[in-house]
């Protein structure tokens, strides 16, 4: 389904989505983030990109798996907390973040399906916004097989055509949102199709960061596994984890039991995000740590993106959003790292 929506009608379309939890990019505290849209407000779709990706709508940073209660001498009673959330509509998702969704689907909905992830994933509708120009100086979606107008992982893709949007519904959920406000949408004409084609073509011509031949990168990273370059390039790392927590595809987590009462024994099992960049991520109970320094942990993150995930799923895990570069407090640059290591291994 392809339609045209004049910008003056965007607010009215959103107003007709009152049955949903509508989230849009909002600027505040010097950063763009997804927030609930207030009554009568119109989404701002002039954002570069949000600091945090929309990953959290499917995979929240903290999630209770179940609560438990045990009276002395009796078996514990478990109460599952698989969510049944209201449907969330997220506006302004950039194509790189959309491409991150199928990556996480492979992890959480593969041979062993995660019911918590699936419940939130099926209850979230992603409305993408194509990038007419790179939203960040550190964008490199083209280098990892994406594009400024990729529709992977999205339910709707919108493209800004100056005074109007080209709106392409990609799933049944997306089509339902358009149908809900059908009188607001028009059929595309020849001029609309021509402008859309030209806009998408021009968007691919903007300069981006580049990477070497991606088919060769996994082998080159493997060849440099023991290279001293890893320690050299990680020398500035402070282990803060920003690179992974802001990544659309990083999915590592920890599970802990939290005791909330002692008589009777009560508590909950909780999943929280974790990161391979923390020193205790791989700490064994014996005290041995197979990744004892920043160099080995940096190697793990880069190799997971461009080697291990590729071996397991046939695609690179990095979507080229550039957040880990832009937000790193010490300037560690994954594009520069891959270029250096892959180039060294030629």
Protein backbone atom coordinates (compact mmCIF):
# COMPACT_ATOMS: atom_id res chain seq x y z
CA UNK A 1 0.00 0.00 0.00
CA UNK A 2 1.48 3.33 -1.11
CA UNK A 3 -0.14 6.65 -0.21
CA UNK A 4 0.58 10.37 0.01
CA UNK A 5 0.06 12.32 3.23
CA UNK A 6 0.32 16.11 3.23
CA UNK A 7 2.31 17.38 6.19
CA UNK A 8 -0.60 19.52 7.38
CA UNK A 9 -2.53 16.26 7.98
CA UNK A 10 0.15 14.51 10.06
CA UNK A 11 -1.22 15.78 13.37
CA UNK A 12 -4.74 14.72 12.47
CA UNK A 13 -3.52 11.22 11.58
CA UNK A 14 -1.82 10.93 14.94
CA UNK A 15 -4.95 12.21 16.68
CA UNK A 16 -6.90 9.30 15.20
CA UNK A 17 -4.49 6.85 16.83
CA UNK A 18 -5.86 7.57 20.28
CA UNK A 19 -6.35 3.90 21.04
CA UNK A 20 -2.58 3.36 20.88
CA UNK A 21 0.40 4.41 22.96
CA UNK A 22 2.01 6.81 20.47
CA UNK A 23 5.74 7.48 20.89
CA UNK A 24 7.60 10.08 18.84
CA UNK A 25 11.05 11.70 18.80
CA UNK A 26 11.15 14.60 21.28
CA UNK A 27 14.05 16.97 21.92
CA UNK A 28 14.85 17.74 25.55
CA UNK A 29 17.89 17.96 27.82
CA UNK A 30 20.08 18.37 24.72
CA UNK A 31 19.09 14.98 23.30
CA UNK A 32 16.45 13.35 21.13
CA UNK A 33 14.51 10.51 22.73
CA UNK A 34 11.23 8.66 22.23
CA UNK A 35 8.45 9.98 24.44
CA UNK A 36 4.67 9.72 24.60
CA UNK A 37 2.96 12.34 22.49
CA UNK A 38 0.79 14.77 24.43
CA UNK A 39 -2.80 15.59 23.50
CA UNK A 40 -3.00 17.82 20.45
CA UNK A 41 0.71 17.57 19.74
CA UNK A 42 2.10 16.81 16.28
CA UNK A 43 5.22 14.65 15.93
CA UNK A 44 8.46 16.40 15.04
CA UNK A 45 10.07 14.43 12.27
CA UNK A 46 13.06 16.70 11.76
CA UNK A 47 15.23 14.76 14.19
CA UNK A 48 18.76 13.53 13.38
CA UNK A 49 18.36 10.30 15.35
CA UNK A 50 17.43 9.47 18.91
CA UNK A 51 20.28 8.81 21.33
CA UNK A 52 18.66 5.54 22.41
CA UNK A 53 17.39 3.19 19.71
CA UNK A 54 13.80 1.87 19.77
CA UNK A 55 15.17 -1.54 20.86
CA UNK A 56 13.80 -0.95 24.35
CA UNK A 57 10.20 -1.20 23.17
CA UNK A 58 10.84 -4.88 22.39
CA UNK A 59 13.62 -5.63 24.87
CA UNK A 60 13.41 -3.32 27.91
CA UNK A 61 16.45 -2.59 30.03
CA UNK A 62 14.82 -4.23 33.06
CA UNK A 63 12.11 -6.88 32.98
CA UNK A 64 10.56 -9.10 35.67
CA UNK A 65 10.23 -12.69 34.50
CA UNK A 66 8.15 -13.91 37.43
CA UNK A 67 7.53 -13.38 41.11
CA UNK A 68 7.75 -16.14 43.70
CA UNK A 69 6.43 -16.78 47.19
CA UNK A 70 7.32 -19.60 49.51
CA UNK A 71 5.90 -20.43 52.91
CA UNK A 72 8.26 -22.42 55.12
CA UNK A 73 7.95 -26.14 54.45
CA UNK A 74 5.93 -25.68 51.26
CA UNK A 75 6.82 -25.62 47.58
CA UNK A 76 7.35 -22.15 46.12
CA UNK A 77 4.51 -20.59 44.11
CA UNK A 78 5.55 -18.86 40.88
CA UNK A 79 3.52 -16.18 39.11
CA UNK A 80 4.55 -15.52 35.52
CA UNK A 81 4.67 -11.93 34.32
CA UNK A 82 4.64 -12.37 30.53
CA UNK A 83 3.48 -8.92 29.40
CA UNK A 84 0.26 -8.09 27.61
CA UNK A 85 1.04 -4.49 26.70
CA UNK A 86 -1.14 -2.01 24.89
CA UNK A 87 -0.09 -1.60 21.27
CA UNK A 88 2.64 0.99 20.89
CA UNK A 89 3.10 3.03 17.72
CA UNK A 90 6.61 4.48 17.30
CA UNK A 91 7.04 7.31 14.80
CA UNK A 92 10.26 8.41 13.16
CA UNK A 93 12.28 5.19 13.34
CA UNK A 94 15.35 5.55 11.14
CA UNK A 95 16.06 2.74 8.62
CA UNK A 96 19.22 1.66 10.46
CA UNK A 97 17.18 1.05 13.60
CA UNK A 98 14.58 -0.79 11.57
CA UNK A 99 17.29 -3.11 10.26
CA UNK A 100 18.24 -3.88 13.84
CA UNK A 101 14.86 -5.48 14.51
CA UNK A 102 15.37 -8.61 12.32
CA UNK A 103 18.79 -9.07 13.96
CA UNK A 104 17.18 -9.23 17.38
CA UNK A 105 14.38 -11.42 16.02
CA UNK A 106 17.02 -13.99 15.07
CA UNK A 107 18.24 -14.05 18.66
CA UNK A 108 14.94 -13.98 20.56
CA UNK A 109 12.61 -15.71 18.11
CA UNK A 110 14.85 -18.43 16.71
CA UNK A 111 14.94 -22.05 17.80
CA UNK A 112 14.01 -20.98 21.35
CA UNK A 113 11.41 -18.22 21.33
CA UNK A 114 11.47 -15.68 24.13
CA UNK A 115 7.81 -15.09 25.08
CA UNK A 116 8.61 -11.77 26.78
CA UNK A 117 10.29 -10.40 23.67
CA UNK A 118 7.61 -11.80 21.38
CA UNK A 119 4.76 -10.23 23.39
CA UNK A 120 6.29 -6.77 23.13
CA UNK A 121 7.49 -7.23 19.57
CA UNK A 122 4.03 -8.19 18.31
CA UNK A 123 2.53 -5.25 20.20
CA UNK A 124 4.79 -2.61 18.64
CA UNK A 125 4.24 -0.90 15.28
CA UNK A 126 7.27 0.89 13.83
CA UNK A 127 6.74 3.84 11.49
CA UNK A 128 10.03 4.56 9.78
CA UNK A 129 11.36 7.77 8.31
CA UNK A 130 13.79 7.54 5.40
CA UNK A 131 16.98 9.59 5.68
CA UNK A 132 17.13 12.15 2.86
CA UNK A 133 20.60 12.99 4.16
CA UNK A 134 22.73 11.27 6.82
CA UNK A 135 21.37 12.22 10.27
CA UNK A 136 24.86 11.90 11.76
CA UNK A 137 28.42 12.47 10.61
CA UNK A 138 29.11 8.90 11.76
CA UNK A 139 26.47 7.14 9.65
CA UNK A 140 27.65 4.16 7.62
CA UNK A 141 24.51 2.17 6.75
CA UNK A 142 25.60 1.76 3.13
CA UNK A 143 28.86 0.14 4.22
CA UNK A 144 27.01 -2.65 6.07
CA UNK A 145 24.46 -3.42 3.38
CA UNK A 146 21.68 -1.06 4.41
CA UNK A 147 20.38 2.09 2.80
CA UNK A 148 18.91 5.44 3.84
CA UNK A 149 15.50 4.17 2.73
CA UNK A 150 15.66 0.52 3.84
CA UNK A 151 12.30 -0.82 5.00
CA UNK A 152 13.63 -3.88 6.86
CA UNK A 153 11.93 -4.39 10.21
CA UNK A 154 9.43 -1.56 9.69
CA UNK A 155 5.64 -1.61 9.39
CA UNK A 156 5.49 1.70 7.51
CA UNK A 157 8.17 3.71 5.72
CA UNK A 158 7.64 7.44 5.30
CA UNK A 159 9.75 9.60 2.98
CA UNK A 160 9.82 13.39 3.25
CA UNK A 161 8.95 14.98 -0.11
CA UNK A 162 9.07 18.64 1.05
CA UNK A 163 5.39 19.44 1.65
CA UNK A 164 4.17 15.85 1.86
CA UNK A 165 5.19 12.35 2.85
CA UNK A 166 5.23 9.25 0.70
CA UNK A 167 3.79 6.57 2.99
CA UNK A 168 4.40 2.91 2.23
CA UNK A 169 2.62 0.34 4.40
CA UNK A 170 4.74 -2.81 4.61
CA UNK A 171 2.75 -5.05 6.97
CA UNK A 172 -0.88 -5.67 7.84
CA UNK A 173 -0.39 -3.70 11.06
CA UNK A 174 0.98 -0.77 9.11
CA UNK A 175 -1.82 -0.90 6.56
CA UNK A 176 -4.39 -0.89 9.38
CA UNK A 177 -3.00 2.42 10.69
CA UNK A 178 -3.32 4.01 7.26
CA UNK A 179 -6.82 2.59 6.75
CA UNK A 180 -7.86 3.99 10.13
CA UNK A 181 -7.45 7.52 8.73
CA UNK A 182 -7.98 6.73 5.07
CA UNK A 183 -9.62 10.09 4.11
CA UNK A 184 -6.38 11.88 5.05
CA UNK A 185 -4.33 9.97 2.49
CA UNK A 186 -4.23 10.38 -1.25
CA UNK A 187 -3.08 8.19 -4.10
CA UNK A 188 0.40 8.92 -5.47
CA UNK A 189 0.58 10.46 -8.91
CA UNK A 190 3.35 10.36 -11.50
CA UNK A 191 5.02 13.42 -9.96
CA UNK A 192 4.97 11.83 -6.49
CA UNK A 193 6.55 8.64 -7.79
CA UNK A 194 9.21 10.59 -9.68
CA UNK A 195 10.04 12.72 -6.62
CA UNK A 196 10.22 9.63 -4.44
CA UNK A 197 12.58 7.85 -6.81
CA UNK A 198 14.82 10.90 -7.09
CA UNK A 199 14.83 11.50 -3.33
CA UNK A 200 15.87 7.92 -2.61
CA UNK A 201 18.55 8.03 -5.30
CA UNK A 202 19.98 11.30 -3.96
CA UNK A 203 19.97 9.98 -0.41
CA UNK A 204 22.46 7.29 -1.41
CA UNK A 205 24.87 9.85 -2.85
CA UNK A 206 25.55 11.68 0.42
CA UNK A 207 29.03 10.89 1.81
CA UNK A 208 29.16 8.32 4.60
CA UNK A 209 31.83 6.55 6.59
CA UNK A 210 33.21 3.57 4.69
CA UNK A 211 34.40 0.07 5.50
CA UNK A 212 36.48 -2.44 3.53
CA UNK A 213 35.00 -5.30 1.50
CA UNK A 214 32.50 -6.71 4.01
CA UNK A 215 32.71 -10.22 2.61
CA UNK A 216 36.39 -10.30 3.55
CA UNK A 217 36.05 -8.68 6.99
CA UNK A 218 35.08 -11.82 8.99
CA UNK A 219 38.15 -13.72 7.79
CA UNK A 220 40.44 -10.78 8.41
CA UNK A 221 39.14 -10.30 11.96
CA UNK A 222 39.65 -13.98 12.65
CA UNK A 223 43.20 -13.79 11.31
CA UNK A 224 43.97 -10.89 13.67
CA UNK A 225 42.44 -12.47 16.79
CA UNK A 226 45.74 -12.36 18.68
CA UNK A 227 46.91 -9.05 17.25
CA UNK A 228 48.38 -6.48 19.67
CA UNK A 229 46.26 -3.91 17.82
CA UNK A 230 43.28 -4.72 20.06
CA UNK A 231 45.06 -3.63 23.23
CA UNK A 232 46.46 -0.58 21.51
CA UNK A 233 43.08 0.57 20.22
CA UNK A 234 41.34 -0.11 23.56
CA UNK A 235 43.85 1.86 25.61
CA UNK A 236 41.40 4.75 26.11
CA UNK A 237 38.40 2.57 27.01
CA UNK A 238 36.88 3.21 30.45
CA UNK A 239 34.45 0.26 30.30
CA UNK A 240 31.32 2.39 30.58
CA UNK A 241 29.24 0.21 28.24
CA UNK A 242 27.68 3.14 26.35
CA UNK A 243 28.62 1.53 23.02
CA UNK A 244 26.52 -1.55 23.76
CA UNK A 245 23.63 0.00 25.69
CA UNK A 246 22.98 2.45 22.82
CA UNK A 247 23.39 -0.19 20.12
CA UNK A 248 20.21 -1.26 18.26
CA UNK A 249 21.34 -4.89 18.14
CA UNK A 250 23.32 -5.62 21.33
CA UNK A 251 21.22 -8.06 23.33
CA UNK A 252 23.32 -9.46 26.18
CA UNK A 253 21.59 -9.69 29.54
CA UNK A 254 21.98 -10.91 33.11
CA UNK A 255 19.36 -12.67 35.27
CA UNK A 256 19.16 -12.12 39.01
CA UNK A 257 16.84 -13.08 41.84
CA UNK A 258 15.76 -10.20 44.06
CA UNK A 259 14.39 -11.05 47.52
CA UNK A 260 11.64 -8.64 48.54
CA UNK A 261 10.37 -10.33 51.71
CA UNK A 262 11.60 -12.94 54.18
CA UNK A 263 8.46 -14.16 56.04
CA UNK A 264 7.22 -15.75 53.88
CA UNK A 265 10.08 -15.75 51.38
CA UNK A 266 9.14 -13.51 48.46
CA UNK A 267 11.02 -12.23 45.47
CA UNK A 268 11.26 -11.89 41.72
CA UNK A 269 13.48 -13.03 38.90
CA UNK A 270 14.67 -10.11 36.80
CA UNK A 271 16.41 -9.74 33.46
CA UNK A 272 18.59 -6.66 32.96
CA UNK A 273 20.84 -5.56 30.14
CA UNK A 274 24.48 -6.55 30.47
CA UNK A 275 27.49 -5.85 28.29
CA UNK A 276 30.62 -7.64 27.17
CA UNK A 277 32.47 -4.42 27.97
CA UNK A 278 32.10 -4.88 31.74
CA UNK A 279 35.01 -6.69 33.43
CA UNK A 280 32.76 -9.10 35.35
CA UNK A 281 30.72 -10.12 32.27
CA UNK A 282 32.90 -13.21 31.76
CA UNK A 283 34.21 -13.60 35.32
CA UNK A 284 34.17 -17.26 36.41
CA UNK A 285 33.36 -18.33 39.95
CA UNK A 286 36.94 -19.62 40.13
CA UNK A 287 38.19 -16.07 39.70
CA UNK A 288 39.47 -16.70 36.18
CA UNK A 289 38.39 -14.20 33.52
CA UNK A 290 38.96 -15.18 29.85
CA UNK A 291 38.62 -11.53 28.83
CA UNK A 292 40.65 -9.83 31.54
CA UNK A 293 41.48 -6.55 29.79
CA UNK A 294 39.91 -3.84 27.64
CA UNK A 295 41.63 -5.13 24.51
CA UNK A 296 40.02 -8.57 24.70
CA UNK A 297 36.65 -7.01 25.46
CA UNK A 298 36.88 -4.60 22.53
CA UNK A 299 37.81 -7.53 20.30
CA UNK A 300 34.72 -9.39 21.51
CA UNK A 301 32.37 -6.54 20.64
CA UNK A 302 33.83 -5.99 17.17
CA UNK A 303 34.05 -9.69 16.37
CA UNK A 304 30.49 -10.30 17.57
CA UNK A 305 29.26 -7.66 15.13
CA UNK A 306 31.31 -8.64 12.12
CA UNK A 307 32.43 -12.25 12.63
CA UNK A 308 30.46 -14.40 15.10
CA UNK A 309 26.98 -13.12 14.20
CA UNK A 310 27.86 -13.44 10.52
CA UNK A 311 28.95 -17.06 11.03
CA UNK A 312 25.73 -17.89 12.90
CA UNK A 313 23.17 -15.92 10.89
CA UNK A 314 24.73 -14.99 7.56
CA UNK A 315 24.52 -11.24 8.15
CA UNK A 316 26.52 -8.62 10.00
CA UNK A 317 25.06 -7.45 13.29
CA UNK A 318 26.07 -3.81 12.89
CA UNK A 319 23.51 -1.57 11.15
CA UNK A 320 25.73 1.49 10.74
CA UNK A 321 23.85 3.94 12.96
CA UNK A 322 27.11 5.32 14.38
CA UNK A 323 25.79 5.84 17.93
CA UNK A 324 28.68 3.99 19.54
CA UNK A 325 31.09 6.41 17.84
CA UNK A 326 29.15 9.59 18.49
CA UNK A 327 28.41 8.87 22.16
CA UNK A 328 31.70 7.26 23.22
CA UNK A 329 33.19 9.61 25.84
CA UNK A 330 36.75 8.74 24.82
CA UNK A 331 36.34 8.67 21.04
CA UNK A 332 36.65 4.93 20.29
CA UNK A 333 35.55 4.47 16.68
CA UNK A 334 34.33 1.07 15.45
CA UNK A 335 34.69 2.10 11.78
CA UNK A 336 38.32 3.09 12.29
CA UNK A 337 38.94 -0.14 14.21
CA UNK A 338 37.51 -2.41 11.51
CA UNK A 339 39.37 -0.50 8.80
CA UNK A 340 42.63 -0.76 10.70
CA UNK A 341 42.37 -4.42 11.71
CA UNK A 342 40.96 -5.61 8.38
CA UNK A 343 43.53 -3.56 6.50
CA UNK A 344 46.36 -4.92 8.61
CA UNK A 345 45.29 -8.49 7.82
CA UNK A 346 45.53 -8.12 4.04
